[in-house]
Amino acid sequence: MDWIEVTLSVDGEAAEAVAELLQRYGHQGVAVEQEGIPPDQWDDGEAQPAQRLSVRAYFPADDRAEQARLELEQGLSYLNMMYPMPQPVYHTVRDEDWAEAWKVHYHPVRIGRRLLIRPLWAQADLQPGDVEIALDPGMAFGTGTHPTTQLCLEALEDRMQPGLRVLDLGTGSGILAIAAAKLGAASVLALDIDPVAVTISQENIEQNGVAEKVTTQTGSLESVVTSARRFDLIVVNILAKIIIAMCDQHLGEVVRPGGVALFSGIIDEQAGDVEAALRKTGLEPTARRQQGDWVLVEARRPH
């Protein structure tokens, strides 16, 4: 079977809505790439913020492809009523080339002061003191290129202290759990409700040599709340509406008194609602980090 690659060039304000629409049709998720900025300059402070983003997905070129295309363009027409939308660009990819096609859009990227995220199929020059994370995201979310993941990695680098017990809730590819372990955590519990993500994260954890520190399990917030496990630091990179829902499920109780919690996947206009929900669950917001329209909220559970 061949595959159809669909790409839209959008600004930062439209990227989230377009990515959510493409997610309905895309196989193995959606890729978001900054246009006009070499990957090795994404986080070194030299490049100006990207004005345009390429949002890309693949769907099967089968007998349902035409219907998927029509539904996609109908969805874009609805979005166009609220915000100008570009025309999608379609490209057919041969089946034997598809498995490699999406990989060309991921490159080594430096984040924060020391972190280097390297796809397994790419080479990178390590500098003294670099903390390398090599991974194959497969069908799980988390390549290090999306602002929500970058914000989490930067916050982990700043907040991690040797010996902390960490919870990565919604681990995806395992990138944040691996980063926590390599930055000095004593132990990391990486949970995801998706068994595919659990399998992929476990492979990445073993690839990075941190299996002794990181435990990967299929599970949700409920499985932690109902146990006796409490954590010095938790990181939740999901979506604002899910974070708010978790706050009604005693999210704050999994953080030990004095512990730190990091929440990402939040659009700036949603940050106030998330912070209000965090206060209701016993966490006190202390800081925000922002990249474009995306916000990470830092919070602490009072002693």
Protein backbone atom coordinates (compact mmCIF):
# COMPACT_ATOMS: atom_id res chain seq x y z
CA MET A 1 0.00 0.00 0.00
CA ASP A 2 1.19 3.52 -0.79
CA TRP A 3 0.78 6.46 1.58
CA ILE A 4 -0.35 10.05 1.12
CA GLU A 5 1.69 12.78 2.80
CA VAL A 6 -0.31 15.93 3.55
CA THR A 7 1.47 19.11 4.63
CA LEU A 8 0.21 22.55 5.60
CA SER A 9 2.37 25.62 6.19
CA VAL A 10 0.82 27.66 9.01
CA ASP A 11 1.69 30.26 11.61
CA GLY A 12 2.00 29.44 15.30
CA GLU A 13 -1.55 30.50 16.08
CA ALA A 14 -3.07 28.02 13.62
CA ALA A 15 -0.67 25.13 14.23
CA GLU A 16 -2.52 23.55 17.17
CA ALA A 17 -5.89 23.50 15.41
CA VAL A 18 -4.40 22.09 12.21
CA ALA A 19 -2.41 19.45 14.10
CA GLU A 20 -5.54 18.36 15.98
CA LEU A 21 -7.42 18.04 12.67
CA LEU A 22 -4.64 16.05 10.98
CA GLN A 23 -4.40 13.79 14.04
CA ARG A 24 -7.77 12.30 13.06
CA TYR A 25 -6.34 10.97 9.80
CA GLY A 26 -2.60 10.66 10.34
CA HIS A 27 -0.93 7.32 10.99
CA GLN A 28 1.84 7.43 13.68
CA GLY A 29 0.85 10.93 14.72
CA VAL A 30 1.58 14.40 13.36
CA ALA A 31 4.94 16.07 12.76
CA VAL A 32 5.38 19.82 13.45
CA GLU A 33 8.53 21.35 11.98
CA GLN A 34 9.83 24.91 12.25
CA GLU A 35 10.38 26.41 8.82
CA GLY A 36 13.53 28.26 7.84
CA ILE A 37 15.54 27.33 10.97
CA PRO A 38 18.27 24.68 10.82
CA PRO A 39 17.53 21.99 13.44
CA ASP A 40 20.89 22.54 15.16
CA GLN A 41 19.86 26.15 15.93
CA TRP A 42 16.41 25.43 17.38
CA ASP A 43 17.51 25.99 20.95
CA ASP A 44 20.88 27.76 20.84
CA GLY A 45 19.49 31.29 21.08
CA GLU A 46 20.92 32.35 17.71
CA ALA A 47 17.91 31.82 15.47
CA GLN A 48 14.87 34.09 15.46
CA PRO A 49 11.59 32.35 16.36
CA ALA A 50 10.06 30.60 13.35
CA GLN A 51 7.26 32.57 11.71
CA ARG A 52 5.89 29.49 9.95
CA LEU A 53 5.45 25.84 10.91
CA SER A 54 4.97 22.81 8.67
CA VAL A 55 2.32 20.45 10.03
CA ARG A 56 2.54 17.04 8.36
CA ALA A 57 0.75 13.69 8.49
CA TYR A 58 0.44 10.47 6.49
CA PHE A 59 -2.65 8.41 5.71
CA PRO A 60 -3.10 5.23 3.66
CA ALA A 61 -3.64 5.59 -0.11
CA ASP A 62 -6.49 3.06 -0.10
CA ASP A 63 -10.15 3.12 -1.12
CA ARG A 64 -10.90 5.41 1.85
CA ALA A 65 -8.27 8.01 0.89
CA GLU A 66 -10.60 10.19 -1.18
CA GLN A 67 -13.18 10.32 1.61
CA ALA A 68 -10.44 11.17 4.14
CA ARG A 69 -9.23 13.96 1.85
CA LEU A 70 -12.75 15.38 1.50
CA GLU A 71 -13.34 15.26 5.26
CA LEU A 72 -9.97 16.87 5.91
CA GLU A 73 -10.66 19.71 3.51
CA GLN A 74 -14.13 20.17 4.95
CA GLY A 75 -12.56 20.47 8.40
CA LEU A 76 -10.13 23.04 7.03
CA SER A 77 -13.00 25.02 5.53
CA TYR A 78 -14.61 25.24 8.97
CA LEU A 79 -11.32 26.39 10.47
CA ASN A 80 -11.02 28.92 7.65
CA MET A 81 -14.16 30.66 8.91
CA MET A 82 -12.27 31.54 12.10
CA TYR A 83 -8.72 31.92 10.79
CA PRO A 84 -7.19 31.93 7.28
CA MET A 85 -6.10 28.40 6.31
CA PRO A 86 -3.63 27.46 3.56
CA GLN A 87 -4.28 24.80 0.94
CA PRO A 88 -2.95 21.38 1.90
CA VAL A 89 -0.15 19.93 -0.23
CA TYR A 90 -0.41 16.23 -1.04
CA HIS A 91 2.41 13.89 -2.01
CA THR A 92 2.28 10.11 -2.59
CA VAL A 93 4.94 8.03 -0.84
CA ARG A 94 5.65 4.42 -1.86
CA ASP A 95 4.99 1.86 0.85
CA GLU A 96 8.60 0.71 1.00
CA ASP A 97 9.72 4.33 1.48
CA TRP A 98 7.08 5.36 4.01
CA ALA A 99 8.71 3.88 7.09
CA GLU A 100 11.72 6.10 6.46
CA ALA A 101 9.94 9.14 5.02
CA TRP A 102 8.70 10.58 8.32
CA LYS A 103 12.12 10.16 9.91
CA VAL A 104 13.73 12.80 7.68
CA HIS A 105 11.79 15.46 9.57
CA TYR A 106 13.47 14.64 12.89
CA HIS A 107 17.04 15.75 13.59
CA PRO A 108 19.32 16.02 16.63
CA VAL A 109 18.28 19.02 18.70
CA ARG A 110 19.91 20.77 21.66
CA ILE A 111 17.63 21.80 24.51
CA GLY A 112 18.51 23.76 27.63
CA ARG A 113 22.15 23.84 28.70
CA ARG A 114 23.23 20.21 28.30
CA LEU A 115 20.52 18.07 26.75
CA LEU A 116 20.96 16.65 23.25
CA ILE A 117 18.05 14.69 21.78
CA ARG A 118 19.16 12.37 18.99
CA PRO A 119 16.94 10.13 16.86
CA LEU A 120 18.51 6.67 16.67
CA TRP A 121 18.99 6.95 12.92
CA ALA A 122 20.94 10.24 13.13
CA GLN A 123 24.48 11.11 14.18
CA ALA A 124 25.40 14.00 16.47
CA ASP A 125 28.62 15.58 17.76
CA LEU A 126 28.68 15.37 21.55
CA GLN A 127 30.31 18.15 23.55
CA PRO A 128 31.85 17.71 27.03
CA GLY A 129 29.08 17.65 29.59
CA ASP A 130 26.30 16.81 27.11
CA VAL A 131 23.47 14.61 28.33
CA GLU A 132 22.41 12.59 25.29
CA ILE A 133 19.00 11.01 24.87
CA ALA A 134 18.80 8.70 21.86
CA LEU A 135 15.35 7.46 20.94
CA ASP A 136 13.00 6.12 18.32
CA PRO A 137 9.58 7.66 18.99
CA GLY A 138 7.81 5.05 16.86
CA MET A 139 4.06 5.48 17.27
CA ALA A 140 4.38 7.28 20.62
CA PHE A 141 4.32 11.04 21.15
CA GLY A 142 7.60 12.65 22.12
CA THR A 143 10.50 13.46 19.81
CA GLY A 144 11.88 16.52 21.57
CA THR A 145 10.95 18.87 18.73
CA HIS A 146 7.56 20.04 20.03
CA PRO A 147 7.55 23.11 22.32
CA THR A 148 5.61 21.26 25.04
CA THR A 149 8.35 18.62 25.28
CA GLN A 150 11.14 21.18 25.11
CA LEU A 151 9.60 23.17 27.95
CA CYS A 152 9.44 20.03 30.09
CA LEU A 153 13.05 19.13 29.35
CA GLU A 154 14.26 22.63 30.24
CA ALA A 155 12.26 22.60 33.49
CA LEU A 156 13.55 19.13 34.40
CA GLU A 157 17.12 20.30 33.88
CA ASP A 158 16.52 23.25 36.21
CA ARG A 159 14.49 21.47 38.90
CA MET A 160 16.15 18.05 39.05
CA GLN A 161 18.26 17.30 42.11
CA PRO A 162 20.17 14.07 42.80
CA GLY A 163 18.11 11.37 44.47
CA LEU A 164 14.59 12.56 43.66
CA ARG A 165 11.70 10.15 43.12
CA VAL A 166 9.98 11.14 39.85
CA LEU A 167 6.64 10.36 38.20
CA ASP A 168 6.25 10.82 34.42
CA LEU A 169 2.50 10.68 33.84
CA GLY A 170 1.68 10.03 30.17
CA THR A 171 5.24 9.04 29.25
CA GLY A 172 4.74 8.57 25.49
CA SER A 173 8.15 7.79 24.00
CA GLY A 174 9.74 7.90 27.46
CA ILE A 175 11.83 10.96 26.64
CA LEU A 176 11.07 12.80 29.89
CA ALA A 177 11.57 9.73 32.08
CA ILE A 178 14.94 9.11 30.42
CA ALA A 179 15.94 12.76 30.88
CA ALA A 180 15.00 12.64 34.59
CA ALA A 181 17.06 9.49 35.11
CA LYS A 182 20.09 10.88 33.30
CA LEU A 183 19.83 14.16 35.22
CA GLY A 184 20.13 12.38 38.57
CA ALA A 185 16.77 10.98 39.67
CA ALA A 186 16.99 8.05 42.05
CA SER A 187 13.92 6.41 40.52
CA VAL A 188 11.34 7.20 37.86
CA LEU A 189 7.88 5.70 37.39
CA ALA A 190 6.79 6.15 33.75
CA LEU A 191 3.06 5.57 33.17
CA ASP A 192 0.91 5.61 30.04
CA ILE A 193 -2.57 4.31 29.32
CA ASP A 194 -1.46 3.28 25.80
CA PRO A 195 0.23 -0.16 25.75
CA VAL A 196 2.02 0.76 22.49
CA ALA A 197 3.59 3.76 24.20
CA VAL A 198 4.64 1.59 27.14
CA THR A 199 6.39 -0.84 24.79
CA ILE A 200 8.16 1.91 22.87
CA SER A 201 9.19 3.78 26.02
CA GLN A 202 10.62 0.60 27.51
CA GLU A 203 12.72 0.04 24.39
CA ASN A 204 14.00 3.62 24.54
CA ILE A 205 14.74 3.33 28.26
CA GLU A 206 16.82 0.22 27.66
CA GLN A 207 18.54 1.86 24.68
CA ASN A 208 19.64 4.72 26.95
CA GLY A 209 20.91 2.46 29.73
CA VAL A 210 18.57 3.70 32.47
CA ALA A 211 16.38 0.60 32.92
CA GLU A 212 17.65 0.16 36.49
CA LYS A 213 16.22 3.56 37.43
CA VAL A 214 13.04 3.71 35.32
CA THR A 215 9.99 1.49 35.77
CA THR A 216 7.51 1.60 32.86
CA GLN A 217 3.92 0.49 33.37
CA THR A 218 0.53 0.70 31.74
CA GLY A 219 -1.44 2.87 34.12
CA SER A 220 -3.11 6.16 34.91
CA LEU A 221 -3.32 8.68 37.72
CA GLU A 222 -5.84 6.46 39.49
CA SER A 223 -3.31 3.65 39.82
CA VAL A 224 -0.96 6.02 41.65
CA VAL A 225 -3.51 7.81 43.83
CA THR A 226 -4.81 4.50 45.18
CA SER A 227 -1.30 3.33 46.08
CA ALA A 228 1.05 4.56 48.77
CA ARG A 229 3.51 6.00 46.25
CA ARG A 230 4.29 9.71 46.52
CA PHE A 231 6.85 11.63 44.48
CA ASP A 232 9.32 14.48 44.90
CA LEU A 233 8.75 15.62 41.32
CA ILE A 234 6.06 14.85 38.77
CA VAL A 235 5.92 15.84 35.11
CA VAL A 236 2.68 15.78 33.11
CA ASN A 237 2.92 16.64 29.40
CA ILE A 238 -0.60 15.96 28.14
CA LEU A 239 -3.37 18.49 27.40
CA ALA A 240 -4.85 21.25 29.51
CA LYS A 241 -8.34 19.71 29.64
CA ILE A 242 -6.90 16.38 30.84
CA ILE A 243 -4.77 18.10 33.49
CA ILE A 244 -7.85 19.95 34.75
CA ALA A 245 -9.81 16.67 34.86
CA MET A 246 -6.96 15.03 36.81
CA CYS A 247 -7.19 17.79 39.39
CA ASP A 248 -10.68 16.50 40.22
CA GLN A 249 -9.14 13.04 40.68
CA HIS A 250 -6.80 14.07 43.55
CA LEU A 251 -3.78 14.82 41.36
CA GLY A 252 -2.14 16.90 44.10
CA GLU A 253 -2.01 13.94 46.47
CA VAL A 254 0.69 12.14 44.44
CA VAL A 255 3.16 14.98 45.15
CA ARG A 256 4.83 14.80 48.54
CA PRO A 257 4.72 17.96 50.73
CA GLY A 258 7.43 20.29 49.41
CA GLY A 259 7.50 18.45 46.08
CA VAL A 260 7.45 20.02 42.61
CA ALA A 261 5.05 19.42 39.71
CA LEU A 262 5.54 20.39 36.06
CA PHE A 263 2.56 20.66 33.70
CA SER A 264 2.81 21.17 29.93
CA GLY A 265 0.62 20.81 26.84
CA ILE A 266 -1.07 24.09 27.75
CA ILE A 267 -1.94 26.97 25.38
CA ASP A 268 -1.29 30.37 26.98
CA GLU A 269 -5.00 31.23 27.15
CA GLN A 270 -5.62 28.00 29.11
CA ALA A 271 -2.93 28.60 31.73
CA GLY A 272 -5.20 30.50 34.13
CA ASP A 273 -7.79 27.72 34.16
CA VAL A 274 -5.09 25.10 34.76
CA GLU A 275 -3.61 27.09 37.65
CA ALA A 276 -7.03 27.49 39.24
CA ALA A 277 -7.58 23.73 39.02
CA LEU A 278 -4.13 23.05 40.50
CA ARG A 279 -4.94 25.20 43.53
CA LYS A 280 -8.12 23.20 44.13
CA THR A 281 -6.10 19.96 44.19
CA GLY A 282 -3.63 21.32 46.74
CA LEU A 283 -0.82 22.55 44.47
CA GLU A 284 0.39 26.14 44.41
CA PRO A 285 1.52 27.47 40.99
CA THR A 286 4.91 29.15 41.32
CA ALA A 287 6.12 29.96 37.80
CA ARG A 288 5.39 29.78 34.09
CA ARG A 289 7.66 29.03 31.15
CA GLN A 290 6.55 29.90 27.64
CA GLN A 291 7.60 29.08 24.08
CA GLY A 292 5.39 30.67 21.44
CA ASP A 293 1.77 29.96 22.36
CA TRP A 294 2.71 27.03 24.63
CA VAL A 295 3.04 27.34 28.41
CA LEU A 296 4.47 25.12 31.12
CA VAL A 297 3.17 25.70 34.65
CA GLU A 298 5.41 24.90 37.62
CA ALA A 299 3.71 24.20 40.94
CA ARG A 300 4.64 23.08 44.43
CA ARG A 301 2.79 21.26 47.17
CA PRO A 302 3.13 23.27 50.38
CA HIS A 303 4.73 21.61 53.42
